[in-house]
C-alpha atoms as a PDB file:
ATOM      1  CA  VAL A   1      51.346 136.921   4.778  1.00  0.00           C
ATOM      2  CA  LEU A   2      53.964 136.989   7.549  1.00  0.00           C
ATOM      3  CA  PHE A   3      51.965 139.616   9.441  1.00  0.00           C
ATOM      4  CA  ARG A   4      48.801 137.498   9.131  1.00  0.00           C
ATOM      5  CA  SER A   5      50.708 134.432  10.368  1.00  0.00           C
ATOM      6  CA  GLY A   6      51.912 136.405  13.386  1.00  0.00           C
ATOM      7  CA  ILE A   7      48.352 137.472  14.219  1.00  0.00           C
ATOM      8  CA  LEU A   8      47.103 133.872  13.945  1.00  0.00           C
ATOM      9  CA  MET A   9      49.948 132.689  16.184  1.00  0.00           C
ATOM     10  CA  LEU A  10      49.147 135.400  18.730  1.00  0.00           C
ATOM     11  CA  GLU A  11      45.471 134.406  18.706  1.00  0.00           C
ATOM     12  CA  PHE A  12      46.368 130.721  19.202  1.00  0.00           C
ATOM     13  CA  MET A  13      48.790 131.521  22.007  1.00  0.00           C
ATOM     14  CA  ASN A  14      46.133 133.530  23.842  1.00  0.00           C
ATOM     15  CA  LEU A  15      43.371 130.907  23.686  1.00  0.00           C
ATOM     16  CA  PRO A  16      42.241 129.799  27.142  1.00  0.00           C
ATOM     17  CA  GLY A  17      43.877 126.648  28.477  1.00  0.00           C
ATOM     18  CA  PHE A  18      42.130 123.390  29.347  1.00  0.00           C
ATOM     19  CA  PHE A  19      43.157 123.113  33.020  1.00  0.00           C
ATOM     20  CA  GLY A  20      40.635 125.757  34.097  1.00  0.00           C
ATOM     21  CA  THR A  21      43.254 128.277  35.253  1.00  0.00           C
ATOM     22  CA  ARG A  22      44.297 131.695  33.910  1.00  0.00           C
ATOM     23  CA  ALA A  23      46.980 130.008  31.789  1.00  0.00           C
ATOM     24  CA  PRO A  24      46.800 130.231  28.018  1.00  0.00           C
ATOM     25  CA  LEU A  25      46.418 127.100  25.899  1.00  0.00           C
ATOM     26  CA  PHE A  26      50.075 126.842  24.915  1.00  0.00           C
ATOM     27  CA  MET A  27      51.113 126.899  28.580  1.00  0.00           C
ATOM     28  CA  ASP A  28      48.745 124.048  29.436  1.00  0.00           C
ATOM     29  CA  ILE A  29      50.031 122.028  26.471  1.00  0.00           C
ATOM     30  CA  VAL A  30      53.660 122.550  27.501  1.00  0.00           C
ATOM     31  CA  SER A  31      52.867 121.832  31.169  1.00  0.00           C
ATOM     32  CA  LEU A  32      51.202 118.551  30.284  1.00  0.00           C
ATOM     33  CA  ILE A  33      54.183 117.455  28.188  1.00  0.00           C
ATOM     34  CA  VAL A  34      56.697 118.489  30.871  1.00  0.00           C
ATOM     35  CA  ALA A  35      54.666 116.589  33.479  1.00  0.00           C
ATOM     36  CA  ALA A  36      54.973 113.446  31.337  1.00  0.00           C
ATOM     37  CA  LEU A  37      58.727 113.804  30.688  1.00  0.00           C
ATOM     38  CA  PRO A  38      60.096 112.127  33.838  1.00  0.00           C
ATOM     39  CA  PHE A  39      57.768 109.162  33.369  1.00  0.00           C
ATOM     40  CA  LEU A  40      58.709 108.784  29.704  1.00  0.00           C
ATOM     41  CA  MET A  41      62.379 109.083  30.585  1.00  0.00           C
ATOM     42  CA  LEU A  42      62.044 106.508  33.354  1.00  0.00           C
ATOM     43  CA  GLY A  43      60.481 104.067  30.887  1.00  0.00           C
ATOM     44  CA  ILE A  44      63.355 104.659  28.482  1.00  0.00           C
ATOM     45  CA  ILE A  45      65.896 104.130  31.264  1.00  0.00           C
ATOM     46  CA  PHE A  46      64.280 100.796  32.102  1.00  0.00           C
ATOM     47  CA  LEU A  47      64.778  99.724  28.481  1.00  0.00           C
ATOM     48  CA  ALA A  48      68.515  99.935  29.140  1.00  0.00           C
ATOM     49  CA  ARG A  49      68.087  97.850  32.287  1.00  0.00           C
ATOM     50  CA  GLN A  50      66.392  95.230  30.085  1.00  0.00           C
ATOM     51  CA  LYS A  51      69.466  95.359  27.803  1.00  0.00           C
ATOM     52  CA  LYS A  52      67.493  96.940  24.940  1.00  0.00           C
ATOM     53  CA  TYR A  53      70.297  99.415  24.358  1.00  0.00           C
ATOM     54  CA  LYS A  54      69.545 100.381  20.752  1.00  0.00           C
ATOM     55  CA  LEU A  55      65.900 101.109  21.530  1.00  0.00           C
ATOM     56  CA  HIS A  56      66.999 102.983  24.668  1.00  0.00           C
ATOM     57  CA  ALA A  57      69.391 105.152  22.637  1.00  0.00           C
ATOM     58  CA  LEU A  58      66.853 105.792  19.868  1.00  0.00           C
ATOM     59  CA  LEU A  59      64.016 106.759  22.199  1.00  0.00           C
ATOM     60  CA  GLN A  60      66.279 108.856  24.414  1.00  0.00           C
ATOM     61  CA  GLY A  61      67.366 110.815  21.334  1.00  0.00           C
ATOM     62  CA  ILE A  62      63.764 111.259  20.198  1.00  0.00           C
ATOM     63  CA  LEU A  63      62.682 112.400  23.660  1.00  0.00           C
ATOM     64  CA  TYR A  64      65.557 114.890  23.740  1.00  0.00           C
ATOM     65  CA  ILE A  65      64.645 116.346  20.324  1.00  0.00           C
ATOM     66  CA  VAL A  66      60.941 116.514  21.200  1.00  0.00           C
ATOM     67  CA  SER A  67      61.869 118.270  24.456  1.00  0.00           C
ATOM     68  CA  LEU A  68      63.890 120.878  22.559  1.00  0.00           C
ATOM     69  CA  ILE A  69      60.951 121.436  20.184  1.00  0.00           C
ATOM     70  CA  VAL A  70      58.569 121.828  23.138  1.00  0.00           C
ATOM     71  CA  LEU A  71      61.012 124.248  24.781  1.00  0.00           C
ATOM     72  CA  SER A  72      61.142 126.286  21.563  1.00  0.00           C
ATOM     73  CA  PHE A  73      57.330 126.283  21.318  1.00  0.00           C
ATOM     74  CA  PHE A  74      57.176 127.448  24.923  1.00  0.00           C
ATOM     75  CA  GLU A  75      59.703 130.252  24.382  1.00  0.00           C
ATOM     76  CA  VAL A  76      57.871 131.524  21.289  1.00  0.00           C
ATOM     77  CA  GLY A  77      54.576 131.400  23.164  1.00  0.00           C
ATOM     78  CA  VAL A  78      55.918 133.323  26.132  1.00  0.00           C
ATOM     79  CA  ARG A  79      57.296 136.020  23.825  1.00  0.00           C
ATOM     80  CA  PHE A  80      54.016 136.284  21.885  1.00  0.00           C
ATOM     81  CA  VAL A  81      51.931 136.904  24.996  1.00  0.00           C
ATOM     82  CA  GLY A  82      54.240 139.371  26.725  1.00  0.00           C
ATOM     83  CA  GLY A  83      56.415 137.221  28.972  1.00  0.00           C
ATOM     84  CA  PHE A  84      56.702 137.004  32.729  1.00  0.00           C
ATOM     85  CA  LYS A  85      55.455 140.547  33.311  1.00  0.00           C
ATOM     86  CA  SER A  86      52.245 139.755  31.434  1.00  0.00           C
ATOM     87  CA  PHE A  87      51.658 136.551  33.415  1.00  0.00           C
ATOM     88  CA  MET A  88      52.308 138.299  36.727  1.00  0.00           C
ATOM     89  CA  GLN A  89      49.424 140.724  36.118  1.00  0.00           C
ATOM     90  CA  GLY A  90      46.873 138.063  37.020  1.00  0.00           C
ATOM     91  CA  SER A  91      48.825 136.522  39.881  1.00  0.00           C
ATOM     92  CA  GLY A  92      48.117 137.122  43.540  1.00  0.00           C
ATOM     93  CA  VAL A  93      51.682 136.355  44.646  1.00  0.00           C
ATOM     94  CA  GLY A  94      54.512 138.834  45.009  1.00  0.00           C
ATOM     95  CA  HIS A  95      56.605 139.630  41.956  1.00  0.00           C
ATOM     96  CA  ASP A  96      59.956 139.082  43.712  1.00  0.00           C
ATOM     97  CA  TYR A  97      58.955 135.692  45.114  1.00  0.00           C
ATOM     98  CA  ALA A  98      57.631 134.469  41.744  1.00  0.00           C
ATOM     99  CA  PHE A  99      60.733 135.817  39.995  1.00  0.00           C
ATOM    100  CA  ILE A 100      63.074 133.955  42.365  1.00  0.00           C
ATOM    101  CA  VAL A 101      61.152 130.709  41.811  1.00  0.00           C
ATOM    102  CA  LEU A 102      61.318 131.325  38.042  1.00  0.00           C
ATOM    103  CA  ILE A 103      65.089 131.885  38.209  1.00  0.00           C
ATOM    104  CA  VAL A 104      65.530 128.648  40.185  1.00  0.00           C
ATOM    105  CA  HIS A 105      63.412 126.815  37.589  1.00  0.00           C
ATOM    106  CA  ILE A 106      65.345 128.277  34.649  1.00  0.00           C
ATOM    107  CA  SER A 107      68.689 127.511  36.315  1.00  0.00           C
ATOM    108  CA  ILE A 108      67.726 123.874  36.859  1.00  0.00           C
ATOM    109  CA  ALA A 109      66.462 123.644  33.281  1.00  0.00           C
ATOM    110  CA  VAL A 110      69.640 125.092  31.761  1.00  0.00           C
ATOM    111  CA  VAL A 111      71.923 122.840  33.810  1.00  0.00           C
ATOM    112  CA  THR A 112      69.765 119.799  33.011  1.00  0.00           C
ATOM    113  CA  ILE A 113      69.777 120.508  29.277  1.00  0.00           C
ATOM    114  CA  ILE A 114      73.568 120.824  29.351  1.00  0.00           C
ATOM    115  CA  ILE A 115      73.917 117.554  31.277  1.00  0.00           C
ATOM    116  CA  TRP A 116      71.379 115.767  29.041  1.00  0.00           C
ATOM    117  CA  THR A 117      73.158 116.992  25.895  1.00  0.00           C
ATOM    118  CA  THR A 118      76.530 115.914  27.259  1.00  0.00           C
ATOM    119  CA  THR A 119      75.139 112.539  28.284  1.00  0.00           C
ATOM    120  CA  LEU A 120      73.803 111.913  24.786  1.00  0.00           C
ATOM    121  CA  LEU A 121      76.942 113.129  23.011  1.00  0.00           C
ATOM    122  CA  MET A 122      79.347 111.319  25.322  1.00  0.00           C
ATOM    123  CA  ALA A 123      77.350 108.098  25.774  1.00  0.00           C
ATOM    124  CA  LYS A 124      79.949 105.777  24.234  1.00  0.00           C
ATOM    125  CA  LYS A 125      82.810 107.270  26.224  1.00  0.00           C
ATOM    126  CA  GLN A 126      80.713 107.264  29.408  1.00  0.00           C
ATOM    127  CA  LEU A 127      79.842 103.614  28.822  1.00  0.00           C
ATOM    128  CA  GLU A 128      83.524 102.777  28.472  1.00  0.00           C
ATOM    129  CA  ASN A 129      84.449 104.432  31.758  1.00  0.00           C
ATOM    130  CA  GLY A 130      81.284 103.380  33.600  1.00  0.00           C
ATOM    131  CA  LYS A 131      79.806 106.868  34.031  1.00  0.00           C
ATOM    132  CA  HIS A 132      76.830 106.717  31.670  1.00  0.00           C
ATOM    133  CA  LYS A 133      74.418 105.179  34.158  1.00  0.00           C
ATOM    134  CA  ARG A 134      75.202 107.879  36.728  1.00  0.00           C
ATOM    135  CA  ALA A 135      74.869 110.634  34.107  1.00  0.00           C
ATOM    136  CA  GLY A 136      71.504 109.181  33.070  1.00  0.00           C
ATOM    137  CA  TRP A 137      70.183 109.242  36.621  1.00  0.00           C
ATOM    138  CA  ILE A 138      71.443 112.798  37.115  1.00  0.00           C
ATOM    139  CA  THR A 139      69.622 113.805  33.923  1.00  0.00           C
ATOM    140  CA  PHE A 140      66.472 112.049  35.112  1.00  0.00           C
ATOM    141  CA  THR A 141      66.701 113.888  38.440  1.00  0.00           C
ATOM    142  CA  GLY A 142      67.094 117.189  36.596  1.00  0.00           C
ATOM    143  CA  VAL A 143      64.091 116.506  34.364  1.00  0.00           C
ATOM    144  CA  THR A 144      62.046 115.617  37.447  1.00  0.00           C
ATOM    145  CA  LEU A 145      63.121 118.870  39.117  1.00  0.00           C
ATOM    146  CA  ILE A 146      62.174 120.780  35.954  1.00  0.00           C
ATOM    147  CA  MET A 147      58.718 119.239  36.165  1.00  0.00           C
ATOM    148  CA  LEU A 148      58.327 120.071  39.863  1.00  0.00           C
ATOM    149  CA  THR A 149      59.663 123.620  39.683  1.00  0.00           C
ATOM    150  CA  GLY A 150      57.705 124.212  36.464  1.00  0.00           C
ATOM    151  CA  ALA A 151      54.525 123.180  38.276  1.00  0.00           C
ATOM    152  CA  TRP A 152      55.475 125.563  41.084  1.00  0.00           C
ATOM    153  CA  VAL A 153      55.913 128.450  38.626  1.00  0.00           C
ATOM    154  CA  TYR A 154      52.630 127.518  36.912  1.00  0.00           C
ATOM    155  CA  MET A 155      50.787 127.568  40.235  1.00  0.00           C
ATOM    156  CA  LEU A 156      52.251 130.949  41.194  1.00  0.00           C
ATOM    157  CA  LEU A 157      51.439 132.569  37.865  1.00  0.00           C
ATOM    158  CA  PHE A 158      48.098 131.024  36.977  1.00  0.00           C
ATOM    159  CA  VAL A 159      46.433 129.591  40.077  1.00  0.00           C
ATOM    160  CA  TYR A 160      47.204 131.843  43.056  1.00  0.00           C
END
């Protein structure tokens, strides 16, 4: 049963995407969600500006958890289809250039996840010392950079 499940997952992960590129379906799904993240986060930030703090906190937590689930889905998908080396086979750009862009993207993502996690866990303390708003905007900037660098990686691997 586990073997059959793995084969079905591999087949799903290798289905063609809906953007009309070389990307598999899972990559298009993840890309679409990541593209929406900064806009969703901005809407949630504006809830705080409207003094809807409980709704802001609830939705920020949900967005964070959904983002971690999407990241996990992405990581499983990448592993199932052979990773970066597999994606590079169809690309017309140089391996070293694409790899450097990927490393920049991953670095921004890791730092942003750490900052976002800290911001959520330390929200009450940050509110007390006036640093929560700044931490929120830094997180938003990081999520926006994840979206932009992720689009850059996507273009290098699946468009060019």
